[in-house]
């Protein structure tokens, strides 16, 4: 009976970290493609000012906006790559520190999702980003390391 419990526990833990891995891969891929994307199209919708007009009148501000966006995308890419590495090399082996560290991924995704929900982007974009956060949280909850419980019950 104990082996059956351990087997189903291992299966659910594996399912959990695979869910988190899928979210991390999707975050990494979307960040990678955003690096090469063109955000000029949405700038006018978001601000009411044409990008070309901003570049002509305030070139320094335009440069700062571009740098801010690129650094945000780069940060998202790094979080995604680090999450993949933590999942593949520590979380799947039941490392407790990895489970706690992986909570940073959905926390990092939350402000961007809130920003998407408040912008003039289509609603499905924010819903999809929120869905990724929920999948990551679900995966982390499913992959809860039971070794934490075993440590507390030991004499």
Protein backbone atom coordinates (compact mmCIF):
# COMPACT_ATOMS: atom_id res chain seq x y z
CA UNK A 1 0.00 0.00 0.00
CA UNK A 2 2.85 2.39 0.84
CA UNK A 3 4.46 1.74 -2.57
CA UNK A 4 1.20 2.59 -4.33
CA UNK A 5 0.97 5.83 -2.37
CA UNK A 6 4.59 6.70 -3.21
CA UNK A 7 4.00 5.84 -6.87
CA UNK A 8 0.93 8.08 -7.19
CA UNK A 9 2.72 10.79 -5.21
CA UNK A 10 5.69 10.65 -7.58
CA UNK A 11 3.36 10.77 -10.59
CA UNK A 12 1.53 13.85 -9.33
CA UNK A 13 4.83 15.52 -8.42
CA UNK A 14 6.17 14.81 -11.90
CA UNK A 15 2.96 16.15 -13.47
CA UNK A 16 3.33 19.29 -11.37
CA UNK A 17 6.88 20.07 -12.37
CA UNK A 18 6.09 19.30 -16.02
CA UNK A 19 3.29 21.90 -15.86
CA UNK A 20 5.71 24.46 -14.44
CA UNK A 21 8.28 23.50 -17.09
CA UNK A 22 5.74 24.10 -19.88
CA UNK A 23 4.96 27.57 -18.50
CA UNK A 24 8.68 28.37 -18.20
CA UNK A 25 9.31 27.26 -21.79
CA UNK A 26 6.37 29.34 -23.07
CA UNK A 27 7.57 32.37 -21.11
CA UNK A 28 11.08 31.97 -22.52
CA UNK A 29 9.84 31.58 -26.09
CA UNK A 30 7.47 34.54 -25.88
CA UNK A 31 10.24 36.71 -24.41
CA UNK A 32 12.63 35.60 -27.13
CA UNK A 33 10.16 36.51 -29.87
CA UNK A 34 9.30 39.84 -28.20
CA UNK A 35 12.95 40.86 -28.45
CA UNK A 36 12.56 40.86 -32.22
CA UNK A 37 8.97 42.15 -32.19
CA UNK A 38 7.79 45.61 -33.14
CA UNK A 39 6.04 47.42 -30.30
CA UNK A 40 5.72 50.67 -32.27
CA UNK A 41 2.32 49.51 -33.48
CA UNK A 42 0.84 49.43 -29.98
CA UNK A 43 2.61 52.57 -28.73
CA UNK A 44 0.12 54.95 -30.34
CA UNK A 45 -2.83 52.92 -29.11
CA UNK A 46 -1.45 52.93 -25.56
CA UNK A 47 -0.33 56.58 -25.40
CA UNK A 48 -2.26 58.50 -28.06
CA UNK A 49 1.02 59.78 -29.52
CA UNK A 50 2.53 58.45 -32.74
CA UNK A 51 5.92 56.81 -32.22
CA UNK A 52 7.47 58.84 -35.06
CA UNK A 53 6.25 62.04 -33.43
CA UNK A 54 7.79 61.05 -30.10
CA UNK A 55 11.10 60.21 -31.77
CA UNK A 56 11.16 63.60 -33.55
CA UNK A 57 10.14 65.73 -30.57
CA UNK A 58 11.69 63.77 -27.68
CA UNK A 59 14.41 61.45 -29.00
CA UNK A 60 15.89 60.87 -25.54
CA UNK A 61 12.51 59.82 -24.14
CA UNK A 62 12.01 57.46 -27.10
CA UNK A 63 15.41 55.90 -26.41
CA UNK A 64 14.52 55.47 -22.73
CA UNK A 65 11.20 53.83 -23.62
CA UNK A 66 12.95 51.40 -25.95
CA UNK A 67 15.65 50.59 -23.39
CA UNK A 68 13.07 50.09 -20.64
CA UNK A 69 11.04 47.73 -22.78
CA UNK A 70 14.09 45.76 -23.92
CA UNK A 71 15.39 45.37 -20.36
CA UNK A 72 11.98 44.17 -19.20
CA UNK A 73 11.89 41.59 -21.99
CA UNK A 74 15.46 40.54 -21.23
CA UNK A 75 14.55 40.10 -17.55
CA UNK A 76 11.61 37.92 -18.52
CA UNK A 77 13.87 35.86 -20.78
CA UNK A 78 16.41 35.36 -17.99
CA UNK A 79 13.69 34.35 -15.48
CA UNK A 80 12.38 31.83 -18.02
CA UNK A 81 15.81 30.34 -18.69
CA UNK A 82 16.66 30.17 -14.97
CA UNK A 83 13.30 28.54 -14.27
CA UNK A 84 13.96 25.89 -16.89
CA UNK A 85 17.40 25.19 -15.39
CA UNK A 86 16.01 24.97 -11.84
CA UNK A 87 13.22 22.65 -12.93
CA UNK A 88 15.47 20.33 -14.92
CA UNK A 89 18.35 20.17 -12.46
CA UNK A 90 16.74 20.50 -9.03
CA UNK A 91 12.92 20.59 -8.82
CA UNK A 92 12.38 17.28 -10.55
CA UNK A 93 14.68 15.64 -8.00
CA UNK A 94 12.63 16.97 -5.10
CA UNK A 95 14.97 19.72 -3.92
CA UNK A 96 13.02 21.81 -1.42
CA UNK A 97 14.92 25.04 -2.15
CA UNK A 98 14.00 24.69 -5.84
CA UNK A 99 10.31 24.45 -5.05
CA UNK A 100 10.43 27.63 -2.97
CA UNK A 101 12.56 29.43 -5.57
CA UNK A 102 10.17 28.54 -8.38
CA UNK A 103 7.47 30.67 -6.74
CA UNK A 104 9.41 33.66 -8.06
CA UNK A 105 8.36 32.83 -11.62
CA UNK A 106 4.60 33.41 -11.20
CA UNK A 107 5.33 36.37 -8.92
CA UNK A 108 7.53 37.89 -11.64
CA UNK A 109 4.78 37.32 -14.23
CA UNK A 110 2.05 38.97 -12.15
CA UNK A 111 2.87 42.70 -12.69
CA UNK A 112 3.13 42.21 -16.45
CA UNK A 113 -0.22 40.46 -16.51
CA UNK A 114 -1.83 43.26 -14.49
CA UNK A 115 -0.30 45.78 -16.89
CA UNK A 116 -1.69 43.84 -19.86
CA UNK A 117 -5.14 43.80 -18.29
CA UNK A 118 -5.08 47.58 -17.81
CA UNK A 119 -3.81 48.39 -21.32
CA UNK A 120 -5.72 48.59 -24.58
CA UNK A 121 -4.51 45.15 -25.64
CA UNK A 122 -7.17 42.58 -26.48
CA UNK A 123 -8.63 40.94 -23.37
CA UNK A 124 -7.54 37.46 -24.45
CA UNK A 125 -3.87 38.49 -24.05
CA UNK A 126 -4.30 39.23 -20.34
CA UNK A 127 -6.48 36.13 -19.87
CA UNK A 128 -3.81 33.97 -21.49
CA UNK A 129 -1.07 35.50 -19.34
CA UNK A 130 -3.22 34.98 -16.24
CA UNK A 131 -3.77 31.39 -17.32
CA UNK A 132 -0.02 30.85 -17.46
CA UNK A 133 0.28 32.15 -13.92
CA UNK A 134 -2.51 29.85 -12.74
CA UNK A 135 -0.87 26.87 -14.47
CA UNK A 136 2.45 27.65 -12.80
CA UNK A 137 0.81 27.97 -9.37
CA UNK A 138 -1.16 24.76 -9.92
CA UNK A 139 2.01 22.93 -10.98
CA UNK A 140 3.86 24.17 -7.91
CA UNK A 141 1.04 23.16 -5.59
CA UNK A 142 0.85 19.70 -7.15
CA UNK A 143 4.62 19.24 -6.90
CA UNK A 144 4.74 20.19 -3.21
CA UNK A 145 7.78 18.39 -1.76
CA UNK A 146 6.45 16.03 0.89
CA UNK A 147 9.93 15.90 2.41
CA UNK A 148 8.97 19.17 4.14
CA UNK A 149 6.19 17.35 5.98
CA UNK A 150 8.48 14.44 6.82
CA UNK A 151 11.06 16.76 8.37
CA UNK A 152 8.52 18.31 10.70
CA UNK A 153 7.18 14.95 11.89
CA UNK A 154 10.60 13.47 12.69
CA UNK A 155 11.50 13.22 16.40
